[in-house]
N, C-alpha and C. Protein backbone atom coordinates (compact mmCIF):
# COMPACT_ATOMS: atom_id res chain seq x y z
N MET A 1 110.73 146.35 -135.96
CA MET A 1 110.59 144.92 -135.79
C MET A 1 109.27 144.47 -136.38
N SER A 2 109.34 143.30 -136.85
CA SER A 2 108.11 142.78 -137.45
C SER A 2 107.20 142.22 -136.37
N LEU A 3 106.01 142.03 -136.75
CA LEU A 3 105.00 141.50 -135.83
C LEU A 3 105.35 140.08 -135.39
N LEU A 4 105.93 139.31 -136.27
CA LEU A 4 106.32 137.93 -135.95
C LEU A 4 107.39 137.90 -134.87
N LYS A 5 108.37 138.78 -134.98
CA LYS A 5 109.43 138.84 -133.97
C LYS A 5 108.88 139.31 -132.63
N LEU A 6 107.95 140.24 -132.64
CA LEU A 6 107.35 140.71 -131.39
C LEU A 6 106.55 139.61 -130.71
N CYS A 7 105.79 138.88 -131.48
CA CYS A 7 105.02 137.76 -130.91
C CYS A 7 105.94 136.69 -130.36
N SER A 8 107.00 136.41 -131.09
CA SER A 8 107.96 135.40 -130.64
C SER A 8 108.62 135.84 -129.34
N LEU A 9 109.00 137.10 -129.26
CA LEU A 9 109.62 137.62 -128.04
C LEU A 9 108.63 137.57 -126.87
N PHE A 10 107.39 137.94 -127.12
CA PHE A 10 106.37 137.91 -126.07
C PHE A 10 106.17 136.50 -125.53
N PHE A 11 106.02 135.51 -126.44
CA PHE A 11 105.80 134.13 -125.99
C PHE A 11 107.02 133.56 -125.27
N THR A 12 108.21 133.98 -125.69
CA THR A 12 109.43 133.52 -125.01
C THR A 12 109.47 134.07 -123.58
N ILE A 13 109.19 135.35 -123.44
CA ILE A 13 109.20 135.96 -122.11
C ILE A 13 108.09 135.36 -121.25
N PHE A 14 106.93 135.16 -121.84
CA PHE A 14 105.80 134.60 -121.10
C PHE A 14 106.10 133.17 -120.65
N SER A 15 106.72 132.36 -121.51
CA SER A 15 107.04 130.98 -121.14
C SER A 15 108.11 130.95 -120.04
N LEU A 16 109.09 131.86 -120.12
CA LEU A 16 110.09 131.95 -119.04
C LEU A 16 109.44 132.37 -117.72
N TYR A 17 108.49 133.27 -117.80
CA TYR A 17 107.74 133.70 -116.62
C TYR A 17 106.99 132.52 -116.00
N LEU A 18 106.33 131.73 -116.84
CA LEU A 18 105.60 130.56 -116.33
C LEU A 18 106.54 129.53 -115.71
N ILE A 19 107.68 129.30 -116.34
CA ILE A 19 108.65 128.35 -115.79
C ILE A 19 109.15 128.84 -114.43
N LEU A 20 109.40 130.14 -114.32
CA LEU A 20 109.84 130.71 -113.05
C LEU A 20 108.76 130.56 -111.98
N GLN A 21 107.51 130.79 -112.34
CA GLN A 21 106.41 130.66 -111.39
C GLN A 21 106.27 129.21 -110.90
N VAL A 22 106.35 128.27 -111.82
CA VAL A 22 106.24 126.86 -111.44
C VAL A 22 107.40 126.46 -110.54
N SER A 23 108.60 126.93 -110.85
CA SER A 23 109.77 126.61 -110.02
C SER A 23 109.62 127.18 -108.62
N LEU A 24 109.17 128.43 -108.53
CA LEU A 24 108.98 129.04 -107.22
C LEU A 24 107.88 128.34 -106.42
N LEU A 25 106.81 127.96 -107.11
CA LEU A 25 105.73 127.25 -106.43
C LEU A 25 106.19 125.90 -105.91
N SER A 26 106.94 125.16 -106.71
CA SER A 26 107.42 123.85 -106.26
C SER A 26 108.41 124.01 -105.11
N LEU A 27 109.26 125.03 -105.16
CA LEU A 27 110.18 125.29 -104.05
C LEU A 27 109.41 125.63 -102.78
N TYR A 28 108.38 126.44 -102.92
CA TYR A 28 107.54 126.80 -101.78
C TYR A 28 106.88 125.57 -101.17
N LEU A 29 106.34 124.70 -102.02
CA LEU A 29 105.68 123.49 -101.52
C LEU A 29 106.67 122.54 -100.84
N ILE A 30 107.87 122.44 -101.39
CA ILE A 30 108.90 121.59 -100.77
C ILE A 30 109.27 122.14 -99.39
N LEU A 31 109.44 123.45 -99.30
CA LEU A 31 109.77 124.05 -98.00
C LEU A 31 108.63 123.88 -97.00
N GLN A 32 107.39 124.02 -97.45
CA GLN A 32 106.25 123.82 -96.57
C GLN A 32 106.20 122.39 -96.05
N ALA A 33 106.45 121.45 -96.93
CA ALA A 33 106.42 120.04 -96.53
C ALA A 33 107.53 119.73 -95.54
N SER A 34 108.71 120.27 -95.78
CA SER A 34 109.83 119.98 -94.87
C SER A 34 109.61 120.64 -93.51
N THR A 35 109.06 121.84 -93.48
CA THR A 35 108.80 122.47 -92.18
C THR A 35 107.66 121.77 -91.45
N ALA A 36 106.66 121.30 -92.19
CA ALA A 36 105.58 120.55 -91.55
C ALA A 36 106.10 119.24 -90.98
N LYS A 37 107.00 118.60 -91.72
CA LYS A 37 107.58 117.35 -91.24
C LYS A 37 108.41 117.59 -89.99
N ALA A 38 109.20 118.67 -90.00
CA ALA A 38 110.01 119.00 -88.82
C ALA A 38 109.12 119.34 -87.64
N ALA A 39 108.05 120.07 -87.89
CA ALA A 39 107.14 120.43 -86.80
C ALA A 39 106.47 119.19 -86.24
N SER A 40 106.07 118.27 -87.10
CA SER A 40 105.42 117.06 -86.60
C SER A 40 106.40 116.20 -85.82
N SER A 41 107.66 116.13 -86.25
CA SER A 41 108.63 115.35 -85.49
C SER A 41 108.92 116.02 -84.15
N ASP A 42 108.90 117.36 -84.11
CA ASP A 42 109.06 118.05 -82.82
C ASP A 42 107.87 117.77 -81.91
N ASN A 43 106.67 117.74 -82.49
CA ASN A 43 105.49 117.41 -81.68
C ASN A 43 105.58 116.01 -81.13
N VAL A 44 106.06 115.08 -81.94
CA VAL A 44 106.20 113.70 -81.48
C VAL A 44 107.21 113.63 -80.34
N LYS A 45 108.34 114.34 -80.50
CA LYS A 45 109.35 114.36 -79.44
C LYS A 45 108.78 114.96 -78.16
N ASN A 46 108.02 116.06 -78.29
CA ASN A 46 107.43 116.69 -77.11
C ASN A 46 106.44 115.76 -76.42
N GLU A 47 105.60 115.09 -77.21
CA GLU A 47 104.64 114.15 -76.62
C GLU A 47 105.36 112.99 -75.96
N PHE A 48 106.44 112.52 -76.58
CA PHE A 48 107.22 111.42 -76.00
C PHE A 48 107.82 111.86 -74.67
N ASN A 49 108.36 113.07 -74.63
CA ASN A 49 108.94 113.57 -73.39
C ASN A 49 107.87 113.74 -72.31
N LYS A 50 106.68 114.20 -72.70
CA LYS A 50 105.59 114.33 -71.74
C LYS A 50 105.20 112.97 -71.19
N SER A 51 105.13 111.97 -72.07
CA SER A 51 104.75 110.64 -71.59
C SER A 51 105.83 110.06 -70.70
N ASN A 52 107.11 110.35 -70.99
CA ASN A 52 108.18 109.88 -70.12
C ASN A 52 108.11 110.57 -68.77
N ASP A 53 107.77 111.85 -68.76
CA ASP A 53 107.64 112.55 -67.49
C ASP A 53 106.50 111.98 -66.66
N SER A 54 105.42 111.59 -67.32
CA SER A 54 104.30 111.04 -66.58
C SER A 54 104.59 109.62 -66.10
N LEU A 55 105.59 108.96 -66.70
CA LEU A 55 105.94 107.61 -66.24
C LEU A 55 106.78 107.63 -64.97
N ASN A 56 107.41 108.75 -64.68
CA ASN A 56 108.22 108.85 -63.47
C ASN A 56 107.30 109.10 -62.28
N VAL A 57 106.63 108.06 -61.84
CA VAL A 57 105.64 108.16 -60.78
C VAL A 57 106.30 107.73 -59.48
N LYS A 58 106.06 108.50 -58.43
CA LYS A 58 106.68 108.19 -57.14
C LYS A 58 105.89 107.12 -56.38
N SER A 59 104.58 107.12 -56.48
CA SER A 59 103.78 106.12 -55.77
C SER A 59 102.87 105.41 -56.77
N VAL A 60 102.62 104.16 -56.50
CA VAL A 60 101.79 103.36 -57.39
C VAL A 60 100.49 103.03 -56.67
N GLN A 61 99.38 103.30 -57.34
CA GLN A 61 98.08 102.95 -56.78
C GLN A 61 97.57 101.73 -57.51
N ILE A 62 97.19 100.71 -56.74
CA ILE A 62 96.72 99.47 -57.34
C ILE A 62 95.20 99.51 -57.43
N ASP A 63 94.71 99.26 -58.60
CA ASP A 63 93.28 99.20 -58.84
C ASP A 63 92.80 97.79 -58.51
N PRO A 64 91.91 97.63 -57.53
CA PRO A 64 91.48 96.27 -57.16
C PRO A 64 90.75 95.55 -58.28
N VAL A 65 90.01 96.29 -59.09
CA VAL A 65 89.29 95.65 -60.20
C VAL A 65 90.28 95.13 -61.23
N ALA A 66 91.27 95.95 -61.57
CA ALA A 66 92.28 95.50 -62.53
C ALA A 66 93.09 94.35 -61.96
N ASN A 67 93.37 94.38 -60.66
CA ASN A 67 94.10 93.30 -60.03
C ASN A 67 93.30 92.00 -60.11
N THR A 68 91.98 92.08 -59.90
CA THR A 68 91.13 90.89 -60.01
C THR A 68 91.12 90.37 -61.44
N ARG A 69 91.07 91.29 -62.40
CA ARG A 69 91.11 90.87 -63.80
C ARG A 69 92.40 90.13 -64.11
N LEU A 70 93.51 90.63 -63.56
CA LEU A 70 94.79 89.94 -63.78
C LEU A 70 94.77 88.55 -63.17
N GLU A 71 94.18 88.42 -61.99
CA GLU A 71 94.10 87.10 -61.36
C GLU A 71 93.26 86.15 -62.23
N TYR A 72 92.13 86.65 -62.75
CA TYR A 72 91.32 85.81 -63.63
C TYR A 72 92.09 85.44 -64.89
N ALA A 73 92.83 86.40 -65.42
CA ALA A 73 93.61 86.11 -66.63
C ALA A 73 94.68 85.07 -66.34
N ASP A 74 95.35 85.17 -65.18
CA ASP A 74 96.34 84.16 -64.82
C ASP A 74 95.69 82.79 -64.66
N ALA A 75 94.51 82.76 -64.03
CA ALA A 75 93.81 81.49 -63.85
C ALA A 75 93.39 80.92 -65.20
N SER A 76 92.93 81.78 -66.09
CA SER A 76 92.53 81.31 -67.42
C SER A 76 93.73 80.76 -68.18
N LEU A 77 94.87 81.43 -68.07
CA LEU A 77 96.07 80.93 -68.75
C LEU A 77 96.50 79.59 -68.18
N ALA A 78 96.38 79.44 -66.86
CA ALA A 78 96.74 78.16 -66.24
C ALA A 78 95.80 77.06 -66.72
N ASP A 79 94.49 77.37 -66.81
CA ASP A 79 93.53 76.38 -67.31
C ASP A 79 93.83 76.01 -68.75
N ILE A 80 94.13 77.00 -69.56
CA ILE A 80 94.42 76.73 -70.97
C ILE A 80 95.67 75.89 -71.12
N SER A 81 96.71 76.23 -70.35
CA SER A 81 97.96 75.46 -70.48
C SER A 81 97.78 74.04 -69.99
N SER A 82 97.00 73.83 -68.91
CA SER A 82 96.78 72.46 -68.45
C SER A 82 95.93 71.69 -69.46
N HIS A 83 94.95 72.35 -70.06
CA HIS A 83 94.13 71.69 -71.08
C HIS A 83 94.99 71.31 -72.29
N MET A 84 95.88 72.21 -72.69
CA MET A 84 96.75 71.91 -73.83
C MET A 84 97.71 70.77 -73.51
N ALA A 85 98.19 70.70 -72.27
CA ALA A 85 99.08 69.60 -71.89
C ALA A 85 98.33 68.27 -71.93
N GLU A 86 97.08 68.27 -71.44
CA GLU A 86 96.26 67.04 -71.50
C GLU A 86 96.01 66.65 -72.96
N ARG A 87 95.71 67.62 -73.78
CA ARG A 87 95.43 67.34 -75.20
C ARG A 87 96.68 66.78 -75.89
N ARG A 88 97.84 67.36 -75.58
CA ARG A 88 99.09 66.88 -76.16
C ARG A 88 99.35 65.43 -75.75
N LYS A 89 99.11 65.13 -74.46
CA LYS A 89 99.32 63.77 -73.96
C LYS A 89 98.37 62.80 -74.64
N THR A 90 97.12 63.21 -74.84
CA THR A 90 96.14 62.36 -75.51
C THR A 90 96.58 62.06 -76.94
N VAL A 91 97.05 63.08 -77.65
CA VAL A 91 97.50 62.88 -79.03
C VAL A 91 98.71 61.97 -79.07
N GLN A 92 99.63 62.14 -78.14
CA GLN A 92 100.81 61.27 -78.10
C GLN A 92 100.42 59.83 -77.81
N ASP A 93 99.46 59.64 -76.89
CA ASP A 93 98.99 58.28 -76.59
C ASP A 93 98.33 57.65 -77.81
N LYS A 94 97.53 58.43 -78.54
CA LYS A 94 96.90 57.91 -79.75
C LYS A 94 97.94 57.51 -80.77
N ASN A 95 98.97 58.34 -80.93
CA ASN A 95 100.03 58.02 -81.89
C ASN A 95 100.76 56.74 -81.50
N LYS A 96 101.02 56.56 -80.19
CA LYS A 96 101.67 55.33 -79.72
C LYS A 96 100.78 54.12 -80.00
N ASN A 97 99.49 54.25 -79.70
CA ASN A 97 98.57 53.14 -79.93
C ASN A 97 98.47 52.81 -81.41
N ASN A 98 98.44 53.85 -82.26
CA ASN A 98 98.36 53.61 -83.70
C ASN A 98 99.62 52.92 -84.21
N SER A 99 100.78 53.33 -83.70
CA SER A 99 102.01 52.69 -84.15
C SER A 99 102.08 51.24 -83.66
N ARG A 100 101.59 50.97 -82.44
CA ARG A 100 101.55 49.58 -81.94
C ARG A 100 100.61 48.74 -82.79
N ALA A 101 99.46 49.32 -83.15
CA ALA A 101 98.51 48.57 -83.97
C ALA A 101 99.10 48.29 -85.35
N ASP A 102 99.84 49.24 -85.90
CA ASP A 102 100.50 49.02 -87.20
C ASP A 102 101.54 47.92 -87.10
N ILE A 103 102.31 47.92 -86.01
CA ILE A 103 103.34 46.89 -85.83
C ILE A 103 102.68 45.52 -85.68
N GLU A 104 101.62 45.45 -84.86
CA GLU A 104 100.92 44.18 -84.67
C GLU A 104 100.29 43.70 -85.97
N HIS A 105 99.74 44.63 -86.72
CA HIS A 105 99.11 44.26 -87.99
C HIS A 105 100.15 43.75 -88.98
N SER A 106 101.30 44.42 -89.06
CA SER A 106 102.33 43.97 -89.98
C SER A 106 102.95 42.66 -89.50
N ALA A 107 102.99 42.43 -88.19
CA ALA A 107 103.53 41.17 -87.67
C ALA A 107 102.57 40.02 -87.96
N SER A 108 101.27 40.30 -87.95
CA SER A 108 100.30 39.23 -88.20
C SER A 108 100.27 38.83 -89.67
N ILE A 109 100.71 39.71 -90.54
CA ILE A 109 100.72 39.40 -91.97
C ILE A 109 101.89 38.54 -92.23
C-alpha cells in the first residue's frame, strides 16, 4: 500500500473514532440530565409530601402577637375602605356639581 492510502485509512478511522466519542459523550450527558431531572422531581415530591404531613395538625396554637397583627390589619383595611368610600362620594359629588354648572352655564347662554 502506498503512503497516501495508509494516511487516508488512518484519518478515516480516527475521524470515526472521534464521531463515536462525541456521540457517546452526548448520550452520557443526556442520560445525566434526565436522571438529575428525575431526581429533582422526586425531591420535590418528597418535600411536598413532608409539607402535607406537617399540615395535618391535630391542635392549633394561636399566637397572640400574630392575632393582634391580624386585628390591626383588619382595622387598617376597614379604615382604608371607609376612606375610599368617602373619596368616591366626594368625586361623585364634584362630578354632579360640575354637570349642574355646565347645564346652568349652557342655559344662561
